[in-house]
C-alpha atoms as a PDB file:
ATOM      1  CA  MET A   1       6.927   9.662  -2.036  1.00  0.00           C
ATOM      2  CA  LEU A   2       3.936   8.411  -0.123  1.00  0.00           C
ATOM      3  CA  TRP A   3       5.644   5.296   1.255  1.00  0.00           C
ATOM      4  CA  ARG A   4       8.362   7.458   2.851  1.00  0.00           C
ATOM      5  CA  ARG A   5       5.905   9.980   4.309  1.00  0.00           C
ATOM      6  CA  GLN A   6       3.743   7.229   5.775  1.00  0.00           C
ATOM      7  CA  ASN A   7       6.785   5.510   7.326  1.00  0.00           C
ATOM      8  CA  TYR A   8       6.097   2.152   5.695  1.00  0.00           C
ATOM      9  CA  SER A   9       8.285  -0.752   6.668  1.00  0.00           C
ATOM     10  CA  PRO A  10      11.896  -0.383   5.537  1.00  0.00           C
ATOM     11  CA  ARG A  11      12.138  -4.192   5.562  1.00  0.00           C
ATOM     12  CA  CYS A  12      10.346  -4.314   2.211  1.00  0.00           C
ATOM     13  CA  GLN A  13      12.290  -3.648  -0.924  1.00  0.00           C
ATOM     14  CA  PHE A  14      11.621  -0.304  -2.576  1.00  0.00           C
ATOM     15  CA  GLU A  15      10.168  -2.013  -5.662  1.00  0.00           C
ATOM     16  CA  VAL A  16       7.259  -3.359  -3.609  1.00  0.00           C
ATOM     17  CA  TRP A  17       5.919   0.188  -3.154  1.00  0.00           C
ATOM     18  CA  THR A  18       6.399   1.259  -6.779  1.00  0.00           C
ATOM     19  CA  GLN A  19       5.173  -1.728  -8.804  1.00  0.00           C
ATOM     20  CA  ASP A  20       1.611  -2.320  -9.976  1.00  0.00           C
ATOM     21  CA  TRP A  21      -0.066  -5.099  -8.040  1.00  0.00           C
ATOM     22  CA  VAL A  22      -2.142  -7.796  -9.715  1.00  0.00           C
ATOM     23  CA  VAL A  23      -4.992  -9.143  -7.625  1.00  0.00           C
ATOM     24  CA  HIS A  24      -6.756 -12.306  -8.713  1.00  0.00           C
ATOM     25  CA  CYS A  25     -10.385 -12.408  -7.569  1.00  0.00           C
ATOM     26  CA  GLN A  26     -13.110 -14.781  -8.534  1.00  0.00           C
ATOM     27  CA  PRO A  27     -16.636 -15.182  -7.188  1.00  0.00           C
ATOM     28  CA  VAL A  28     -17.299 -18.187  -4.992  1.00  0.00           C
ATOM     29  CA  GLY A  29     -20.860 -18.941  -3.907  1.00  0.00           C
ATOM     30  CA  ASN A  30     -23.143 -16.176  -2.666  1.00  0.00           C
ATOM     31  CA  GLY A  31     -21.024 -14.869   0.233  1.00  0.00           C
ATOM     32  CA  ALA A  32     -22.959 -16.681   2.966  1.00  0.00           C
ATOM     33  CA  ALA A  33     -19.848 -18.455   4.286  1.00  0.00           C
ATOM     34  CA  ALA A  34     -17.883 -15.183   4.417  1.00  0.00           C
ATOM     35  CA  LEU A  35     -20.740 -13.426   6.221  1.00  0.00           C
ATOM     36  CA  LYS A  36     -21.010 -16.265   8.722  1.00  0.00           C
ATOM     37  CA  TYR A  37     -17.272 -15.969   9.417  1.00  0.00           C
ATOM     38  CA  LEU A  38     -17.217 -12.158   9.677  1.00  0.00           C
ATOM     39  CA  ALA A  39     -20.540 -11.593  11.479  1.00  0.00           C
ATOM     40  CA  PRO A  40     -19.219 -12.025  15.036  1.00  0.00           C
ATOM     41  CA  TYR A  41     -16.626  -9.318  14.383  1.00  0.00           C
ATOM     42  CA  ILE A  42     -18.830  -6.924  12.418  1.00  0.00           C
ATOM     43  CA  PHE A  43     -21.980  -7.024  14.506  1.00  0.00           C
ATOM     44  CA  ARG A  44     -20.562  -6.971  18.028  1.00  0.00           C
ATOM     45  CA  VAL A  45     -20.761  -3.922  20.256  1.00  0.00           C
ATOM     46  CA  ALA A  46     -17.704  -1.924  21.292  1.00  0.00           C
ATOM     47  CA  ILE A  47     -18.322  -2.359  25.033  1.00  0.00           C
ATOM     48  CA  SER A  48     -20.522  -5.208  26.185  1.00  0.00           C
ATOM     49  CA  ASN A  49     -23.145  -4.603  28.874  1.00  0.00           C
ATOM     50  CA  ARG A  50     -21.280  -6.777  31.367  1.00  0.00           C
ATOM     51  CA  ARG A  51     -18.274  -4.416  31.217  1.00  0.00           C
ATOM     52  CA  ILE A  52     -20.357  -1.276  31.904  1.00  0.00           C
ATOM     53  CA  LEU A  53     -20.145  -0.458  35.603  1.00  0.00           C
ATOM     54  CA  SER A  54     -22.164   2.764  35.761  1.00  0.00           C
ATOM     55  CA  LEU A  55     -23.971   5.411  33.708  1.00  0.00           C
ATOM     56  CA  GLU A  56     -24.071   8.931  35.148  1.00  0.00           C
ATOM     57  CA  GLY A  57     -25.473  11.578  32.837  1.00  0.00           C
ATOM     58  CA  ASP A  58     -23.289  11.452  29.730  1.00  0.00           C
ATOM     59  CA  GLN A  59     -20.469   9.551  31.481  1.00  0.00           C
ATOM     60  CA  VAL A  60     -19.949   5.788  31.156  1.00  0.00           C
ATOM     61  CA  THR A  61     -17.621   3.894  33.485  1.00  0.00           C
ATOM     62  CA  PHE A  62     -16.464   0.483  32.317  1.00  0.00           C
ATOM     63  CA  GLY A  63     -14.031  -2.177  33.463  1.00  0.00           C
ATOM     64  CA  TYR A  64     -11.204  -3.713  31.492  1.00  0.00           C
ATOM     65  CA  THR A  65      -8.064  -5.781  32.012  1.00  0.00           C
ATOM     66  CA  ASP A  66      -4.760  -4.055  31.296  1.00  0.00           C
ATOM     67  CA  ALA A  67      -2.974  -6.222  28.721  1.00  0.00           C
ATOM     68  CA  ARG A  68       0.505  -5.429  30.043  1.00  0.00           C
ATOM     69  CA  SER A  69      -0.025  -5.763  33.780  1.00  0.00           C
ATOM     70  CA  GLY A  70      -3.002  -8.135  33.792  1.00  0.00           C
ATOM     71  CA  GLN A  71      -4.629  -5.879  36.413  1.00  0.00           C
ATOM     72  CA  ARG A  72      -8.332  -5.082  36.369  1.00  0.00           C
ATOM     73  CA  LYS A  73      -8.904  -1.340  35.819  1.00  0.00           C
ATOM     74  CA  THR A  74     -11.755   1.087  35.199  1.00  0.00           C
ATOM     75  CA  ALA A  75     -12.073   3.911  32.691  1.00  0.00           C
ATOM     76  CA  ARG A  76     -14.555   6.737  32.219  1.00  0.00           C
END
């Protein structure tokens, strides 16, 4: 079964993965509010210019902060 092969959470009861789901959707407005909310996430760049430290040929060096240690690091 797919849910076993994909290692889905064993915390959910087996029936959750085998039952048909019913999704209730209804249109609301023209989507402008949703676009306004999602735009900052959808239209941002992967690495901002301020994080790019150097460009050498086809190599980019950028800075980042390691989430675990809090230390500033660089990557290429």
